[in-house]
Amino acid sequence: MSDLTGFSSIGEEILATELKKFRDVLKEIDVDIILCYGVLLGAIRENRFLPWDKDIDIFLLPHVNLEKVKKHLQENGYDGVSFGASEVPFGKFLWAKRYIDDKILVFELQQVHYKDDIAFTNKYLGKSYNKKVKKAATVYPKSMFENLDTIEFYGGKYFIPSDVKEYLTMTYYKWEEPEEYVDWRYHTKSLQEGWVEIEEKK
C-alpha cells in the first residue's frame, strides 16, 4: 500500500468528516465500526488523528458479511474496494479508498473472529517481518468485543474495545507517551506472546 497519504497532509477536519461519513454509510446496512490500532491510539492518547498515521483501521464483528460491506461501499463512492491477502488462512481484511483532490485516504477493515475466550484478527504481517510463523494473529480477550465501549471523537460517537487501555497495552506495549517510530510488529504484546494456532474454517 505504498500510495497511502499521511494524515498530516489531509487535515483533521477532512479526516473527521470522512470517518463520520464512513460510519454512517455502513450503519445503513446495520454494520457498526469499531476504532482500533492507530486511530484509536490517537483518540485515546492525544484526542486527535496521529499526523504520521496513514490509514484508518476499523474492526468489524464476526457476524458481519464482508461481501455485503464491499458491495455497499462500492455503491457509495469508495474506490479500490478489495480484499487483502493475509498469512492467516481463516479470514479476510478489506481495503477501501477515498480520493480527496490529489490525496488518498485508505480505510482498512479487519474482521474479528472468536475461538473459545479469544478474539483474534487477521492482521497482515508483511514480507519484511522476519519471525517465521505460518499462522499468526493479534490476539485479545473475547470480552473486549462482546461488551463494547464508546468514545466521543471529533464530535462523533464511535465504538471501541472495552478495557481500552489494556487493549492498547497489548497492541503497542508502552503507548502512553509518544516515541520515535518503531515497527509495531516487534512491540505488539499480542503478537509476541499470543501466537495462536486456529483451525482453518471448513
N, C-alpha and C. Protein backbone atom coordinates (compact mmCIF):
# COMPACT_ATOMS: atom_id res chain seq x y z
N MET A 1 0.84 -1.20 0.00
CA MET A 1 0.00 0.00 0.00
C MET A 1 0.87 1.25 0.00
N SER A 2 1.75 1.37 -0.97
CA SER A 2 2.72 2.47 -1.00
C SER A 2 2.09 3.80 -1.35
N ASP A 3 0.83 3.79 -1.81
CA ASP A 3 0.21 5.04 -2.23
C ASP A 3 -0.57 5.72 -1.13
N LEU A 4 -0.45 5.25 0.11
CA LEU A 4 -1.17 5.87 1.20
C LEU A 4 -0.65 7.28 1.45
N THR A 5 -1.56 8.18 1.81
CA THR A 5 -1.22 9.56 2.10
C THR A 5 -1.22 9.76 3.61
N GLY A 6 -0.16 10.40 4.14
CA GLY A 6 -0.10 10.68 5.56
C GLY A 6 -1.19 11.62 6.00
N PHE A 7 -1.68 11.42 7.22
CA PHE A 7 -2.78 12.23 7.73
C PHE A 7 -2.44 13.71 7.79
N SER A 8 -1.18 14.04 8.03
CA SER A 8 -0.82 15.45 8.18
C SER A 8 -1.09 16.25 6.92
N SER A 9 -1.09 15.59 5.76
CA SER A 9 -1.32 16.30 4.51
C SER A 9 -2.80 16.34 4.14
N ILE A 10 -3.63 15.62 4.87
CA ILE A 10 -5.08 15.62 4.60
C ILE A 10 -5.80 16.62 5.48
N GLY A 11 -5.43 16.67 6.75
CA GLY A 11 -6.04 17.64 7.66
C GLY A 11 -7.10 17.00 8.54
N GLU A 12 -7.15 17.45 9.79
CA GLU A 12 -8.04 16.85 10.78
C GLU A 12 -9.52 17.01 10.42
N GLU A 13 -9.90 18.17 9.93
CA GLU A 13 -11.32 18.40 9.63
C GLU A 13 -11.82 17.44 8.55
N ILE A 14 -11.04 17.25 7.52
CA ILE A 14 -11.43 16.33 6.45
C ILE A 14 -11.45 14.90 6.96
N LEU A 15 -10.45 14.51 7.75
CA LEU A 15 -10.41 13.16 8.31
C LEU A 15 -11.63 12.89 9.18
N ALA A 16 -11.99 13.86 10.02
CA ALA A 16 -13.15 13.68 10.90
C ALA A 16 -14.43 13.53 10.09
N THR A 17 -14.57 14.34 9.04
CA THR A 17 -15.75 14.26 8.18
C THR A 17 -15.82 12.92 7.46
N GLU A 18 -14.68 12.46 6.96
CA GLU A 18 -14.64 11.19 6.24
C GLU A 18 -14.90 10.00 7.15
N LEU A 19 -14.39 10.04 8.37
CA LEU A 19 -14.64 8.96 9.31
C LEU A 19 -16.13 8.89 9.68
N LYS A 20 -16.73 10.04 9.93
CA LYS A 20 -18.16 10.07 10.25
C LYS A 20 -18.98 9.55 9.07
N LYS A 21 -18.63 9.97 7.87
CA LYS A 21 -19.36 9.51 6.69
C LYS A 21 -19.23 8.00 6.55
N PHE A 22 -18.03 7.47 6.75
CA PHE A 22 -17.80 6.03 6.64
C PHE A 22 -18.66 5.27 7.66
N ARG A 23 -18.67 5.77 8.88
CA ARG A 23 -19.52 5.16 9.93
C ARG A 23 -20.97 5.16 9.51
N ASP A 24 -21.46 6.28 8.99
CA ASP A 24 -22.87 6.40 8.63
C ASP A 24 -23.24 5.55 7.42
N VAL A 25 -22.32 5.45 6.46
CA VAL A 25 -22.59 4.61 5.28
C VAL A 25 -22.76 3.16 5.68
N LEU A 26 -21.90 2.65 6.55
CA LEU A 26 -22.03 1.26 6.97
C LEU A 26 -23.22 1.04 7.91
N LYS A 27 -23.59 2.08 8.64
CA LYS A 27 -24.77 1.96 9.51
C LYS A 27 -26.03 1.74 8.68
N GLU A 28 -26.02 2.20 7.43
CA GLU A 28 -27.17 1.99 6.54
C GLU A 28 -27.45 0.51 6.33
N ILE A 29 -26.45 -0.34 6.46
CA ILE A 29 -26.65 -1.79 6.32
C ILE A 29 -26.47 -2.48 7.68
N ASP A 30 -26.69 -1.72 8.74
CA ASP A 30 -26.64 -2.24 10.12
C ASP A 30 -25.28 -2.82 10.50
N VAL A 31 -24.23 -2.18 10.03
CA VAL A 31 -22.87 -2.58 10.39
C VAL A 31 -22.25 -1.48 11.23
N ASP A 32 -21.81 -1.83 12.43
CA ASP A 32 -21.13 -0.89 13.31
C ASP A 32 -19.62 -1.03 13.13
N ILE A 33 -18.93 0.11 13.12
CA ILE A 33 -17.48 0.08 13.04
C ILE A 33 -16.88 0.25 14.44
N ILE A 34 -15.72 -0.35 14.65
CA ILE A 34 -15.01 -0.28 15.92
C ILE A 34 -13.62 0.31 15.64
N LEU A 35 -13.32 1.43 16.26
CA LEU A 35 -12.00 2.04 16.06
C LEU A 35 -10.91 1.16 16.68
N CYS A 36 -9.77 1.07 16.01
CA CYS A 36 -8.70 0.23 16.52
C CYS A 36 -7.35 0.77 16.05
N TYR A 37 -6.29 0.13 16.50
CA TYR A 37 -4.92 0.45 16.11
C TYR A 37 -4.64 1.96 16.16
N GLY A 38 -4.03 2.52 15.13
CA GLY A 38 -3.52 3.88 15.20
C GLY A 38 -4.57 4.94 15.44
N VAL A 39 -5.74 4.80 14.81
CA VAL A 39 -6.77 5.82 15.01
C VAL A 39 -7.27 5.81 16.45
N LEU A 40 -7.34 4.63 17.06
CA LEU A 40 -7.76 4.54 18.45
C LEU A 40 -6.66 5.05 19.39
N LEU A 41 -5.42 4.73 19.08
CA LEU A 41 -4.31 5.25 19.88
C LEU A 41 -4.33 6.77 19.89
N GLY A 42 -4.51 7.37 18.72
CA GLY A 42 -4.58 8.83 18.66
C GLY A 42 -5.75 9.39 19.43
N ALA A 43 -6.90 8.73 19.32
CA ALA A 43 -8.10 9.22 20.01
C ALA A 43 -7.94 9.18 21.52
N ILE A 44 -7.37 8.10 22.04
CA ILE A 44 -7.25 7.93 23.49
C ILE A 44 -6.10 8.76 24.05
N ARG A 45 -4.95 8.70 23.41
CA ARG A 45 -3.77 9.35 23.97
C ARG A 45 -3.72 10.84 23.71
N GLU A 46 -4.18 11.27 22.52
CA GLU A 46 -3.98 12.66 22.12
C GLU A 46 -5.23 13.36 21.67
N ASN A 47 -6.34 12.63 21.63
CA ASN A 47 -7.63 13.20 21.19
C ASN A 47 -7.51 13.84 19.81
N ARG A 48 -6.83 13.13 18.91
CA ARG A 48 -6.66 13.61 17.54
C ARG A 48 -6.23 12.44 16.66
N PHE A 49 -6.26 12.65 15.35
CA PHE A 49 -5.62 11.71 14.44
C PHE A 49 -4.11 11.90 14.53
N LEU A 50 -3.37 10.83 14.59
CA LEU A 50 -1.92 10.94 14.62
C LEU A 50 -1.43 11.40 13.25
N PRO A 51 -0.72 12.51 13.17
CA PRO A 51 -0.36 13.08 11.86
C PRO A 51 0.53 12.18 11.02
N TRP A 52 1.24 11.25 11.65
CA TRP A 52 2.12 10.35 10.89
C TRP A 52 1.42 9.06 10.47
N ASP A 53 0.18 8.88 10.92
CA ASP A 53 -0.56 7.68 10.53
C ASP A 53 -0.95 7.77 9.06
N LYS A 54 -1.27 6.63 8.44
CA LYS A 54 -1.53 6.62 7.01
C LYS A 54 -2.83 5.93 6.60
N ASP A 55 -3.50 5.26 7.53
CA ASP A 55 -4.79 4.68 7.19
C ASP A 55 -5.67 4.62 8.43
N ILE A 56 -6.96 4.47 8.21
CA ILE A 56 -7.91 4.38 9.32
C ILE A 56 -8.27 2.91 9.51
N ASP A 57 -7.86 2.38 10.65
CA ASP A 57 -8.10 0.97 10.95
C ASP A 57 -9.43 0.78 11.65
N ILE A 58 -10.18 -0.20 11.18
CA ILE A 58 -11.52 -0.48 11.67
C ILE A 58 -11.65 -1.98 11.94
N PHE A 59 -12.22 -2.33 13.10
CA PHE A 59 -12.62 -3.71 13.35
C PHE A 59 -14.10 -3.87 13.01
N LEU A 60 -14.46 -5.04 12.50
CA LEU A 60 -15.85 -5.45 12.30
C LEU A 60 -16.09 -6.73 13.08
N LEU A 61 -17.28 -6.90 13.61
CA LEU A 61 -17.60 -8.07 14.43
C LEU A 61 -17.79 -9.31 13.57
N PRO A 62 -17.75 -10.49 14.18
CA PRO A 62 -17.76 -11.75 13.41
C PRO A 62 -18.98 -11.97 12.52
N HIS A 63 -20.14 -11.43 12.90
CA HIS A 63 -21.35 -11.71 12.13
C HIS A 63 -21.45 -10.89 10.84
N VAL A 64 -20.56 -9.91 10.66
CA VAL A 64 -20.67 -9.00 9.51
C VAL A 64 -20.33 -9.74 8.21
N ASN A 65 -21.15 -9.53 7.21
CA ASN A 65 -20.92 -10.11 5.88
C ASN A 65 -20.01 -9.17 5.09
N LEU A 66 -18.76 -9.56 4.88
CA LEU A 66 -17.81 -8.67 4.22
C LEU A 66 -18.14 -8.44 2.75
N GLU A 67 -18.73 -9.42 2.10
CA GLU A 67 -19.14 -9.23 0.71
C GLU A 67 -20.20 -8.14 0.61
N LYS A 68 -21.11 -8.12 1.56
CA LYS A 68 -22.15 -7.09 1.59
C LYS A 68 -21.55 -5.72 1.86
N VAL A 69 -20.58 -5.68 2.76
CA VAL A 69 -19.88 -4.42 3.05
C VAL A 69 -19.17 -3.92 1.80
N LYS A 70 -18.46 -4.81 1.12
CA LYS A 70 -17.74 -4.44 -0.10
C LYS A 70 -18.68 -3.84 -1.13
N LYS A 71 -19.80 -4.50 -1.38
CA LYS A 71 -20.76 -4.04 -2.37
C LYS A 71 -21.33 -2.66 -1.99
N HIS A 72 -21.66 -2.48 -0.72
CA HIS A 72 -22.26 -1.22 -0.28
C HIS A 72 -21.27 -0.07 -0.38
N LEU A 73 -20.01 -0.32 -0.05
CA LEU A 73 -19.00 0.72 -0.17
C LEU A 73 -18.80 1.11 -1.64
N GLN A 74 -18.78 0.14 -2.52
CA GLN A 74 -18.63 0.42 -3.95
C GLN A 74 -19.80 1.27 -4.46
N GLU A 75 -20.99 1.00 -3.95
CA GLU A 75 -22.18 1.74 -4.38
C GLU A 75 -22.23 3.15 -3.81
N ASN A 76 -21.36 3.44 -2.83
CA ASN A 76 -21.39 4.73 -2.17
C ASN A 76 -20.10 5.54 -2.38
N GLY A 77 -19.45 5.30 -3.51
CA GLY A 77 -18.38 6.18 -3.92
C GLY A 77 -16.99 5.84 -3.42
N TYR A 78 -16.82 4.65 -2.85
CA TYR A 78 -15.49 4.25 -2.41
C TYR A 78 -14.81 3.48 -3.53
N ASP A 79 -13.54 3.77 -3.72
CA ASP A 79 -12.77 3.18 -4.82
C ASP A 79 -11.84 2.10 -4.30
N GLY A 80 -11.39 1.27 -5.21
CA GLY A 80 -10.39 0.27 -4.87
C GLY A 80 -10.79 -0.63 -3.73
N VAL A 81 -12.10 -0.92 -3.61
CA VAL A 81 -12.57 -1.78 -2.52
C VAL A 81 -12.18 -3.21 -2.85
N SER A 82 -11.30 -3.77 -2.05
CA SER A 82 -10.77 -5.10 -2.39
C SER A 82 -10.37 -5.84 -1.13
N PHE A 83 -10.36 -7.16 -1.25
CA PHE A 83 -9.90 -8.00 -0.15
C PHE A 83 -8.39 -8.11 -0.19
N GLY A 84 -7.77 -8.04 0.97
CA GLY A 84 -6.33 -8.16 1.06
C GLY A 84 -5.91 -9.57 1.39
N ALA A 85 -4.71 -9.92 0.94
CA ALA A 85 -4.14 -11.22 1.27
C ALA A 85 -3.59 -11.17 2.69
N SER A 86 -3.61 -12.30 3.35
CA SER A 86 -3.10 -12.40 4.70
C SER A 86 -2.41 -13.73 4.89
N GLU A 87 -1.42 -13.75 5.77
CA GLU A 87 -0.78 -15.00 6.11
C GLU A 87 -1.68 -15.87 6.98
N VAL A 88 -2.74 -15.30 7.49
CA VAL A 88 -3.69 -16.05 8.30
C VAL A 88 -4.78 -16.61 7.40
N PRO A 89 -5.03 -17.91 7.42
CA PRO A 89 -5.92 -18.51 6.43
C PRO A 89 -7.40 -18.47 6.74
N PHE A 90 -7.77 -17.93 7.91
CA PHE A 90 -9.16 -18.11 8.33
C PHE A 90 -10.01 -16.87 8.16
N GLY A 91 -9.54 -15.88 7.47
CA GLY A 91 -10.34 -14.68 7.31
C GLY A 91 -9.80 -13.76 6.24
N LYS A 92 -10.46 -12.63 6.07
CA LYS A 92 -10.05 -11.64 5.10
C LYS A 92 -10.02 -10.27 5.77
N PHE A 93 -9.30 -9.34 5.15
CA PHE A 93 -9.49 -7.96 5.52
C PHE A 93 -9.74 -7.16 4.25
N LEU A 94 -10.33 -6.00 4.42
CA LEU A 94 -10.89 -5.25 3.30
C LEU A 94 -10.31 -3.86 3.29
N TRP A 95 -9.91 -3.41 2.10
CA TRP A 95 -9.45 -2.04 1.92
C TRP A 95 -10.47 -1.24 1.12
N ALA A 96 -10.62 0.02 1.46
CA ALA A 96 -11.45 0.94 0.68
C ALA A 96 -10.75 2.29 0.63
N LYS A 97 -10.77 2.93 -0.55
CA LYS A 97 -10.08 4.20 -0.74
C LYS A 97 -11.06 5.33 -1.00
N ARG A 98 -10.67 6.51 -0.52
CA ARG A 98 -11.36 7.75 -0.87
C ARG A 98 -10.32 8.70 -1.45
N TYR A 99 -10.60 9.22 -2.65
CA TYR A 99 -9.71 10.19 -3.27
C TYR A 99 -10.17 11.60 -2.91
N ILE A 100 -9.26 12.35 -2.30
CA ILE A 100 -9.56 13.71 -1.85
C ILE A 100 -8.57 14.62 -2.56
N ASP A 101 -9.05 15.27 -3.64
CA ASP A 101 -8.16 16.03 -4.52
C ASP A 101 -7.06 15.08 -5.02
N ASP A 102 -5.80 15.39 -4.71
CA ASP A 102 -4.71 14.54 -5.17
C ASP A 102 -4.22 13.59 -4.07
N LYS A 103 -5.01 13.45 -3.02
CA LYS A 103 -4.61 12.62 -1.89
C LYS A 103 -5.50 11.37 -1.79
N ILE A 104 -4.98 10.36 -1.11
CA ILE A 104 -5.69 9.10 -0.96
C ILE A 104 -5.86 8.79 0.52
N LEU A 105 -7.10 8.56 0.95
CA LEU A 105 -7.40 8.13 2.31
C LEU A 105 -7.85 6.67 2.24
N VAL A 106 -7.20 5.82 3.03
CA VAL A 106 -7.49 4.40 2.99
C VAL A 106 -8.10 3.95 4.32
N PHE A 107 -9.19 3.20 4.22
CA PHE A 107 -9.78 2.52 5.35
C PHE A 107 -9.38 1.05 5.27
N GLU A 108 -8.87 0.50 6.37
CA GLU A 108 -8.56 -0.92 6.42
C GLU A 108 -9.48 -1.58 7.44
N LEU A 109 -10.30 -2.49 6.96
CA LEU A 109 -11.29 -3.16 7.80
C LEU A 109 -10.84 -4.58 8.08
N GLN A 110 -10.80 -4.92 9.36
CA GLN A 110 -10.41 -6.27 9.77
C GLN A 110 -11.54 -6.89 10.58
N GLN A 111 -11.86 -8.12 10.23
CA GLN A 111 -12.94 -8.80 10.94
C GLN A 111 -12.39 -9.54 12.15
N VAL A 112 -13.07 -9.38 13.27
CA VAL A 112 -12.73 -10.09 14.49
C VAL A 112 -13.32 -11.50 14.41
N HIS A 113 -12.54 -12.48 14.86
CA HIS A 113 -13.01 -13.86 14.93
C HIS A 113 -12.89 -14.35 16.36
N TYR A 114 -13.76 -15.29 16.74
CA TYR A 114 -13.75 -15.83 18.09
C TYR A 114 -13.37 -17.31 18.08
N LYS A 115 -12.62 -17.71 19.10
CA LYS A 115 -12.40 -19.12 19.40
C LYS A 115 -12.30 -19.24 20.91
N ASP A 116 -13.24 -19.94 21.51
CA ASP A 116 -13.30 -20.06 22.97
C ASP A 116 -13.37 -18.65 23.56
N ASP A 117 -12.44 -18.29 24.41
CA ASP A 117 -12.46 -16.96 25.05
C ASP A 117 -11.52 -15.97 24.37
N ILE A 118 -11.08 -16.31 23.16
CA ILE A 118 -10.11 -15.49 22.44
C ILE A 118 -10.78 -14.77 21.28
N ALA A 119 -10.42 -13.51 21.12
CA ALA A 119 -10.76 -12.76 19.90
C ALA A 119 -9.46 -12.51 19.15
N PHE A 120 -9.48 -12.73 17.84
CA PHE A 120 -8.26 -12.54 17.08
C PHE A 120 -8.59 -11.92 15.74
N THR A 121 -7.62 -11.25 15.15
CA THR A 121 -7.80 -10.61 13.85
C THR A 121 -6.70 -11.07 12.91
N ASN A 122 -7.02 -11.03 11.65
CA ASN A 122 -6.09 -11.50 10.62
C ASN A 122 -5.19 -10.36 10.16
N LYS A 123 -4.42 -9.83 11.06
CA LYS A 123 -3.54 -8.71 10.74
C LYS A 123 -2.45 -9.17 9.80
N TYR A 124 -2.28 -8.46 8.71
CA TYR A 124 -1.23 -8.78 7.74
C TYR A 124 0.13 -8.39 8.31
N LEU A 125 1.07 -9.33 8.35
CA LEU A 125 2.37 -9.05 8.95
C LEU A 125 3.36 -8.47 7.97
N GLY A 126 3.24 -8.80 6.70
CA GLY A 126 4.13 -8.26 5.69
C GLY A 126 5.38 -9.10 5.51
N LYS A 127 5.93 -9.04 4.32
CA LYS A 127 7.07 -9.89 3.97
C LYS A 127 8.34 -9.52 4.73
N SER A 128 8.43 -8.28 5.21
CA SER A 128 9.66 -7.86 5.89
C SER A 128 9.72 -8.36 7.33
N TYR A 129 8.65 -8.95 7.80
CA TYR A 129 8.62 -9.44 9.18
C TYR A 129 9.37 -10.75 9.25
N ASN A 130 10.43 -10.84 10.04
CA ASN A 130 11.33 -11.98 9.96
C ASN A 130 11.05 -13.10 10.96
N LYS A 131 9.95 -13.01 11.69
CA LYS A 131 9.56 -14.14 12.53
C LYS A 131 8.93 -15.20 11.64
N LYS A 132 9.42 -16.42 11.71
CA LYS A 132 8.95 -17.48 10.83
C LYS A 132 7.71 -18.13 11.44
N VAL A 133 6.57 -17.59 11.13
CA VAL A 133 5.32 -18.07 11.69
C VAL A 133 4.34 -18.34 10.56
N LYS A 134 3.77 -19.52 10.55
CA LYS A 134 2.84 -19.88 9.48
C LYS A 134 1.44 -19.32 9.74
N LYS A 135 1.03 -19.35 10.98
CA LYS A 135 -0.29 -18.85 11.33
C LYS A 135 -0.15 -17.93 12.54
N ALA A 136 -0.59 -16.71 12.38
CA ALA A 136 -0.46 -15.76 13.48
C ALA A 136 -1.63 -14.81 13.46
N ALA A 137 -1.88 -14.21 14.60
CA ALA A 137 -2.95 -13.23 14.69
C ALA A 137 -2.65 -12.29 15.84
N THR A 138 -3.27 -11.11 15.81
CA THR A 138 -3.29 -10.29 17.00
C THR A 138 -4.42 -10.83 17.87
N VAL A 139 -4.11 -11.09 19.11
CA VAL A 139 -4.99 -11.85 19.99
C VAL A 139 -5.38 -11.02 21.20
N TYR A 140 -6.68 -11.04 21.53
CA TYR A 140 -7.22 -10.28 22.65
C TYR A 140 -8.26 -11.11 23.38
N PRO A 141 -8.61 -10.72 24.61
CA PRO A 141 -9.73 -11.37 25.28
C PRO A 141 -11.03 -11.12 24.51
N LYS A 142 -11.82 -12.14 24.36
CA LYS A 142 -13.10 -12.03 23.65
C LYS A 142 -14.00 -10.97 24.28
N SER A 143 -13.90 -10.81 25.59
CA SER A 143 -14.76 -9.86 26.31
C SER A 143 -14.58 -8.43 25.83
N MET A 144 -13.42 -8.10 25.25
CA MET A 144 -13.21 -6.74 24.76
C MET A 144 -14.16 -6.38 23.63
N PHE A 145 -14.68 -7.40 22.93
CA PHE A 145 -15.54 -7.15 21.78
C PHE A 145 -16.99 -7.56 22.03
N GLU A 146 -17.22 -8.30 23.09
CA GLU A 146 -18.59 -8.67 23.44
C GLU A 146 -19.29 -7.53 24.17
N ASN A 147 -18.50 -6.70 24.85
CA ASN A 147 -19.05 -5.57 25.61
C ASN A 147 -18.31 -4.30 25.21
N LEU A 148 -18.71 -3.73 24.10
CA LEU A 148 -18.00 -2.57 23.57
C LEU A 148 -18.27 -1.31 24.37
N ASP A 149 -17.29 -0.43 24.41
CA ASP A 149 -17.46 0.90 24.95
C ASP A 149 -17.62 1.89 23.80
N THR A 150 -17.89 3.15 24.12
CA THR A 150 -17.96 4.20 23.11
C THR A 150 -17.05 5.35 23.51
N ILE A 151 -16.69 6.13 22.51
CA ILE A 151 -15.85 7.31 22.72
C ILE A 151 -16.37 8.44 21.87
N GLU A 152 -16.25 9.67 22.39
CA GLU A 152 -16.54 10.86 21.60
C GLU A 152 -15.25 11.29 20.91
N PHE A 153 -15.31 11.44 19.59
CA PHE A 153 -14.11 11.77 18.83
C PHE A 153 -14.49 12.72 17.71
N TYR A 154 -13.98 13.94 17.76
CA TYR A 154 -14.33 14.98 16.79
C TYR A 154 -15.84 15.15 16.66
N GLY A 155 -16.53 15.12 17.78
CA GLY A 155 -17.96 15.36 17.78
C GLY A 155 -18.81 14.17 17.40
N GLY A 156 -18.22 13.04 17.13
CA GLY A 156 -18.98 11.84 16.79
C GLY A 156 -18.78 10.76 17.84
N LYS A 157 -19.72 9.83 17.90
CA LYS A 157 -19.62 8.73 18.85
C LYS A 157 -19.24 7.46 18.10
N TYR A 158 -18.24 6.75 18.64
CA TYR A 158 -17.71 5.57 17.97
C TYR A 158 -17.53 4.44 18.98
N PHE A 159 -17.72 3.22 18.49
CA PHE A 159 -17.46 2.05 19.32
C PHE A 159 -15.96 1.79 19.40
N ILE A 160 -15.53 1.31 20.59
CA ILE A 160 -14.14 0.91 20.81
C ILE A 160 -14.15 -0.35 21.66
N PRO A 161 -13.05 -1.12 21.65
CA PRO A 161 -12.99 -2.28 22.55
C PRO A 161 -13.11 -1.84 24.00
N SER A 162 -13.75 -2.67 24.82
CA SER A 162 -13.79 -2.38 26.25
C SER A 162 -12.40 -2.60 26.84
N ASP A 163 -12.19 -2.03 28.03
CA ASP A 163 -10.86 -2.09 28.67
C ASP A 163 -9.81 -1.59 27.68
N VAL A 164 -10.06 -0.38 27.17
CA VAL A 164 -9.27 0.13 26.05
C VAL A 164 -7.80 0.32 26.40
N LYS A 165 -7.48 0.64 27.64
CA LYS A 165 -6.08 0.81 27.99
C LYS A 165 -5.34 -0.53 27.93
N GLU A 166 -5.99 -1.60 28.33
CA GLU A 166 -5.37 -2.92 28.22
C GLU A 166 -5.24 -3.31 26.75
N TYR A 167 -6.26 -2.97 25.95
CA TYR A 167 -6.16 -3.23 24.51
C TYR A 167 -4.93 -2.54 23.92
N LEU A 168 -4.73 -1.27 24.27
CA LEU A 168 -3.60 -0.53 23.73
C LEU A 168 -2.27 -1.08 24.26
N THR A 169 -2.25 -1.53 25.51
CA THR A 169 -1.04 -2.13 26.04
C THR A 169 -0.71 -3.42 25.31
N MET A 170 -1.71 -4.23 25.03
CA MET A 170 -1.48 -5.47 24.29
C MET A 170 -1.03 -5.19 22.86
N THR A 171 -1.52 -4.09 22.31
CA THR A 171 -1.21 -3.78 20.91
C THR A 171 0.11 -3.05 20.76
N TYR A 172 0.39 -2.09 21.66
CA TYR A 172 1.56 -1.23 21.50
C TYR A 172 2.55 -1.30 22.66
N TYR A 173 2.24 -2.06 23.69
CA TYR A 173 3.07 -2.18 24.89
C TYR A 173 3.13 -0.82 25.59
N LYS A 174 4.20 -0.06 25.45
CA LYS A 174 4.29 1.25 26.10
C LYS A 174 3.71 2.30 25.16
N TRP A 175 2.47 2.67 25.41
CA TRP A 175 1.76 3.53 24.47
C TRP A 175 1.44 4.91 25.03
N GLU A 176 1.61 5.10 26.35
CA GLU A 176 1.13 6.34 26.97
C GLU A 176 1.87 7.58 26.52
N GLU A 177 3.15 7.43 26.19
CA GLU A 177 3.95 8.57 25.74
C GLU A 177 4.42 8.32 24.31
N PRO A 178 4.32 9.35 23.45
CA PRO A 178 4.79 9.18 22.07
C PRO A 178 6.28 8.84 22.03
N GLU A 179 6.65 7.96 21.13
CA GLU A 179 8.04 7.60 20.93
C GLU A 179 8.39 7.81 19.46
N GLU A 180 9.67 7.78 19.17
CA GLU A 180 10.07 7.75 17.78
C GLU A 180 9.50 6.50 17.14
N TYR A 181 9.23 6.59 15.84
CA TYR A 181 8.56 5.49 15.17
C TYR A 181 9.31 4.18 15.34
N VAL A 182 8.58 3.16 15.75
CA VAL A 182 9.11 1.80 15.83
C VAL A 182 8.16 0.90 15.07
N ASP A 183 8.68 -0.20 14.60
CA ASP A 183 7.87 -1.16 13.87
C ASP A 183 6.92 -1.84 14.85
N TRP A 184 5.61 -1.62 14.67
CA TRP A 184 4.63 -2.13 15.61
C TRP A 184 4.73 -3.64 15.79
N ARG A 185 5.20 -4.36 14.76
CA ARG A 185 5.20 -5.82 14.82
C ARG A 185 6.17 -6.36 15.86
N TYR A 186 7.17 -5.57 16.23
CA TYR A 186 8.16 -6.03 17.20
C TYR A 186 7.83 -5.55 18.61
N HIS A 187 6.76 -4.82 18.78
CA HIS A 187 6.41 -4.27 20.09
C HIS A 187 4.99 -4.65 20.51
N THR A 188 4.32 -5.44 19.69
CA THR A 188 2.94 -5.80 19.99
C THR A 188 2.90 -7.02 20.88
N LYS A 189 2.45 -6.84 22.13
CA LYS A 189 2.44 -7.95 23.07
C LYS A 189 1.58 -9.09 22.57
N SER A 190 0.48 -8.77 21.90
CA SER A 190 -0.41 -9.84 21.47
C SER A 190 0.18 -10.64 20.32
N LEU A 191 1.19 -10.10 19.65
CA LEU A 191 1.92 -10.88 18.66
C LEU A 191 3.05 -11.68 19.32
N GLN A 192 3.82 -11.03 20.14
CA GLN A 192 4.97 -11.69 20.73
C GLN A 192 4.56 -12.80 21.69
N GLU A 193 3.49 -12.58 22.42
CA GLU A 193 3.11 -13.52 23.46
C GLU A 193 1.84 -14.30 23.11
N GLY A 194 1.23 -13.97 22.01
CA GLY A 194 -0.09 -14.52 21.74
C GLY A 194 -0.21 -15.31 20.47
N TRP A 195 0.89 -15.93 20.00
CA TRP A 195 0.77 -16.77 18.80
C TRP A 195 -0.29 -17.82 19.06
N VAL A 196 -1.14 -18.03 18.09
CA VAL A 196 -2.22 -18.98 18.30
C VAL A 196 -2.47 -19.74 17.03
N GLU A 197 -2.64 -21.04 17.16
CA GLU A 197 -2.98 -21.88 16.02
C GLU A 197 -4.49 -22.01 15.98
N ILE A 198 -5.09 -21.60 14.87
CA ILE A 198 -6.53 -21.64 14.71
C ILE A 198 -6.86 -22.59 13.56
N GLU A 199 -7.80 -23.48 13.78
CA GLU A 199 -8.19 -24.37 12.71
C GLU A 199 -8.82 -23.58 11.58
N GLU A 200 -8.44 -23.90 10.37
CA GLU A 200 -9.00 -23.21 9.21
C GLU A 200 -10.46 -23.55 9.07
N LYS A 201 -11.27 -22.56 8.74
CA LYS A 201 -12.71 -22.78 8.57
C LYS A 201 -12.95 -23.72 7.40
N LYS A 202 -13.88 -24.63 7.59
CA LYS A 202 -14.22 -25.58 6.50
C LYS A 202 -15.18 -24.92 5.52
